[in-house]
Protein backbone atom coordinates (compact mmCIF):
# COMPACT_ATOMS: atom_id res chain seq x y z
CA UNK A 1 25.92 -62.61 -11.95
CA UNK A 2 28.02 -64.48 -15.15
CA UNK A 3 26.19 -65.36 -18.10
CA UNK A 4 25.89 -69.06 -19.21
CA UNK A 5 25.78 -70.54 -22.59
CA UNK A 6 22.06 -71.08 -23.98
CA UNK A 7 22.24 -75.04 -24.26
CA UNK A 8 19.50 -76.39 -26.61
CA UNK A 9 19.17 -80.78 -26.93
CA UNK A 10 16.81 -83.23 -27.36
CA UNK A 11 17.24 -87.11 -25.33
CA UNK A 12 15.74 -89.82 -25.26
CA UNK A 13 16.59 -91.85 -22.27
CA UNK A 14 17.64 -95.70 -22.61
CA UNK A 15 17.05 -98.41 -20.72
CA UNK A 16 20.46 -98.57 -19.94
CA UNK A 17 20.89 -95.25 -18.70
CA UNK A 18 18.19 -95.25 -16.65
CA UNK A 19 19.65 -98.91 -14.93
CA UNK A 20 22.63 -97.34 -14.60
CA UNK A 21 21.03 -94.22 -12.83
CA UNK A 22 19.07 -96.66 -10.76
CA UNK A 23 22.20 -99.33 -9.77
CA UNK A 24 24.21 -96.00 -8.59
CA UNK A 25 20.80 -94.30 -6.55
CA UNK A 26 20.62 -97.96 -4.92
CA UNK A 27 24.08 -98.90 -4.01
CA UNK A 28 24.92 -95.45 -2.72
CA UNK A 29 22.34 -95.13 -0.09
CA UNK A 30 22.55 -96.78 3.59
CA UNK A 31 20.04 -99.06 2.64
CA UNK A 32 22.03 -100.35 -0.17
CA UNK A 33 25.27 -100.53 1.56
CA UNK A 34 23.75 -102.30 4.20
CA UNK A 35 22.25 -104.76 2.32
CA UNK A 36 25.12 -105.53 0.14
CA UNK A 37 26.95 -106.33 3.68
CA UNK A 38 24.37 -108.38 4.49
CA UNK A 39 24.26 -110.54 1.30
CA UNK A 40 28.40 -110.51 1.39
CA UNK A 41 28.42 -111.88 5.16
CA UNK A 42 25.65 -114.23 4.49
CA UNK A 43 28.28 -115.78 1.54
CA UNK A 44 31.02 -115.63 3.38
CA UNK A 45 29.21 -117.69 6.61
CA UNK A 46 28.03 -120.05 4.37
CA UNK A 47 31.55 -120.62 2.63
CA UNK A 48 33.08 -120.66 5.96
CA UNK A 49 30.49 -122.49 7.47
CA UNK A 50 29.43 -125.28 5.39
CA UNK A 51 30.72 -128.39 6.48
CA UNK A 52 28.85 -127.69 9.88
CA UNK A 53 25.40 -126.11 8.64
CA UNK A 54 22.38 -128.45 7.27
CA UNK A 55 20.92 -128.18 3.73
CA UNK A 56 18.38 -125.54 5.27
CA UNK A 57 20.67 -122.86 6.54
CA UNK A 58 22.65 -123.22 3.62
CA UNK A 59 20.04 -122.75 0.41
CA UNK A 60 18.67 -119.42 3.09
CA UNK A 61 22.09 -118.21 3.36
CA UNK A 62 22.73 -118.77 -0.64
CA UNK A 63 19.10 -116.97 -1.07
CA UNK A 64 20.02 -113.98 1.43
CA UNK A 65 23.14 -113.78 -0.39
CA UNK A 66 21.60 -113.30 -3.85
CA UNK A 67 19.18 -110.98 -2.77
CA UNK A 68 21.13 -107.61 -3.49
CA UNK A 69 24.37 -108.87 -5.64
CA UNK A 70 22.37 -110.86 -8.04
CA UNK A 71 18.29 -110.97 -7.43
CA UNK A 72 18.17 -106.47 -6.74
CA UNK A 73 20.22 -105.71 -10.32
CA UNK A 74 18.25 -107.85 -12.40
CA UNK A 75 14.75 -106.80 -10.99
CA UNK A 76 16.40 -102.78 -10.84
CA UNK A 77 17.40 -103.82 -15.12
CA UNK A 78 13.78 -105.23 -15.62
CA UNK A 79 12.30 -102.44 -13.52
CA UNK A 80 14.32 -100.09 -16.45
CA UNK A 81 13.74 -101.92 -19.00
CA UNK A 82 10.07 -101.79 -18.12
CA UNK A 83 9.75 -98.26 -17.18
CA UNK A 84 11.37 -97.02 -20.62
CA UNK A 85 8.73 -99.41 -22.58
CA UNK A 86 5.81 -98.19 -21.22
CA UNK A 87 6.01 -94.46 -19.30
CA UNK A 88 5.26 -91.90 -22.23
CA UNK A 89 7.26 -89.40 -20.16
CA UNK A 90 10.61 -91.32 -20.25
CA UNK A 91 9.91 -93.17 -23.81
CA UNK A 92 9.20 -90.03 -25.33
CA UNK A 93 12.34 -87.67 -26.94
CA UNK A 94 12.12 -84.64 -24.30
CA UNK A 95 13.43 -81.29 -25.30
CA UNK A 96 16.05 -79.55 -22.74
CA UNK A 97 17.14 -75.62 -22.75
CA UNK A 98 19.43 -74.89 -20.31
CA UNK A 99 19.92 -70.99 -19.90
CA UNK A 100 20.90 -68.44 -16.80
CA UNK A 101 16.69 -68.86 -15.46
CA UNK A 102 17.58 -72.86 -15.26
CA UNK A 103 16.63 -75.81 -16.91
CA UNK A 104 12.99 -76.02 -19.27
CA UNK A 105 12.57 -79.47 -20.26
CA UNK A 106 9.33 -79.61 -22.87
CA UNK A 107 7.62 -82.74 -24.56
CA UNK A 108 5.09 -81.18 -27.33
CA UNK A 109 2.88 -78.82 -25.48
CA UNK A 110 3.60 -79.66 -22.09
CA UNK A 111 6.26 -77.82 -20.45
CA UNK A 112 8.34 -77.70 -16.83
CA UNK A 113 10.99 -75.62 -15.10
CA UNK A 114 12.93 -75.83 -12.28
CA UNK A 115 14.77 -72.60 -11.33
CA UNK A 116 18.83 -73.29 -10.29
CA UNK A 117 17.75 -73.25 -6.76
CA UNK A 118 15.38 -75.82 -6.72
CA UNK A 119 18.17 -77.73 -7.44
CA UNK A 120 19.21 -80.04 -3.93
CA UNK A 121 22.81 -81.84 -5.79
CA UNK A 122 24.02 -82.58 -8.90
CA UNK A 123 26.25 -85.91 -9.58
CA UNK A 124 28.48 -86.35 -12.46
CA UNK A 125 29.65 -89.75 -13.01
CA UNK A 126 31.73 -91.11 -16.06
CA UNK A 127 29.14 -90.62 -18.96
CA UNK A 128 26.37 -88.86 -17.06
CA UNK A 129 25.74 -85.57 -14.79
CA UNK A 130 22.32 -86.26 -12.55
CA UNK A 131 20.52 -83.49 -11.17
CA UNK A 132 18.40 -83.75 -8.35
CA UNK A 133 15.24 -81.97 -7.00
CA UNK A 134 14.81 -84.47 -4.74
CA UNK A 135 16.01 -87.33 -3.05
CA UNK A 136 14.27 -89.57 -5.59
CA UNK A 137 13.49 -87.04 -8.53
CA UNK A 138 16.49 -86.26 -10.92
CA UNK A 139 16.96 -84.82 -14.85
CA UNK A 140 19.50 -87.89 -16.20
CA UNK A 141 21.99 -86.03 -18.74
CA UNK A 142 24.43 -88.68 -20.67
CA UNK A 143 26.93 -87.85 -22.96
CA UNK A 144 25.02 -90.48 -25.58
CA UNK A 145 22.12 -87.42 -25.36
CA UNK A 146 24.87 -84.40 -25.60
CA UNK A 147 27.64 -85.23 -27.41
CA UNK A 148 30.39 -82.81 -27.68
CA UNK A 149 28.79 -80.21 -25.56
CA UNK A 150 28.64 -82.63 -22.64
CA UNK A 151 31.75 -81.28 -20.52
CA UNK A 152 30.54 -77.60 -21.12
CA UNK A 153 26.54 -78.72 -20.06
CA UNK A 154 28.08 -80.15 -16.94
CA UNK A 155 30.90 -77.35 -15.83
CA UNK A 156 28.02 -74.41 -16.81
CA UNK A 157 25.44 -76.99 -14.58
CA UNK A 158 27.54 -76.96 -11.78
CA UNK A 159 28.64 -73.30 -11.60
CA UNK A 160 25.08 -72.58 -11.66
CA UNK A 161 24.24 -74.80 -8.90
CA UNK A 162 27.29 -73.30 -6.93
CA UNK A 163 26.02 -69.89 -7.61
CA UNK A 164 22.25 -70.78 -6.07
CA UNK A 165 23.10 -72.64 -3.08
CA UNK A 166 22.52 -70.26 -0.69
CA UNK A 167 19.61 -68.47 -2.50
CA UNK A 168 16.66 -68.05 -0.48
CA UNK A 169 13.70 -67.36 -3.32
CA UNK A 170 11.11 -65.88 -0.85
CA UNK A 171 13.49 -62.94 -0.62
CA UNK A 172 13.33 -61.93 -4.42
CA UNK A 173 9.43 -63.21 -4.45
CA UNK A 174 8.50 -61.11 -1.36
CA UNK A 175 9.96 -58.33 -2.63
CA UNK A 176 8.15 -58.96 -5.84
CA UNK A 177 4.67 -59.15 -4.68
CA UNK A 178 4.98 -56.33 -2.32
CA UNK A 179 6.26 -54.40 -4.92
CA UNK A 180 9.52 -54.21 -3.66
CA UNK A 181 8.33 -50.95 -1.15
CA UNK A 182 8.70 -51.29 2.95
CA UNK A 183 4.99 -50.70 3.93
C-alpha cells in the first residue's frame, strides 16, 4: 500500500456551498430529471397551445412549469441558508484529518471516523469534491476550504477510495476477533 500525505484542515460550510451540493444532488437524480422534463413539457405545451387553452389550464401549466425550474431551486436555497444558520454541526468550523486510515472529522470533544472502505463514491465538480458514505450523506470539501491543498486532497482521496473499492472489512475484522488462527 502506498502511503498518502496526511492532510489537516478546518472547514466551515457556507450556504452557497451547501446549495450547490443540494442542487447537484437533486437534479442529477432520476426524480430531479423527471421533474425538469415535466416542467419544460408543461411550459412548451402552454406556449404551443396557448390560444386553445382556457385561463385555468394556462395557469396550471405555468405553475407546473415553475415548480422544478424556479420554485424548487428557491426552496433549496432557503433550506441551505436555514441549515447553515440553525444546524450546529454545519454552522460550526469542523477539523478534518485525512490519512491512510480514512477521514476523521472533529468538533470540540466530538469525533467521527470514516474508513476508506465505508466511502461509496466520490464526485468531483469544478470547485468541490463530494465524498458519499450513503446515498444522502456526504462530506463536502471545497476549493475555498482547502486552498492550495485541494488538488492533492482530491488525488489522495480518489486513490484511497479506488484502493478500497473491493475491500471486505469482515475478512480482516474476523481474523482480528478470532486471534487470526483457524480453530
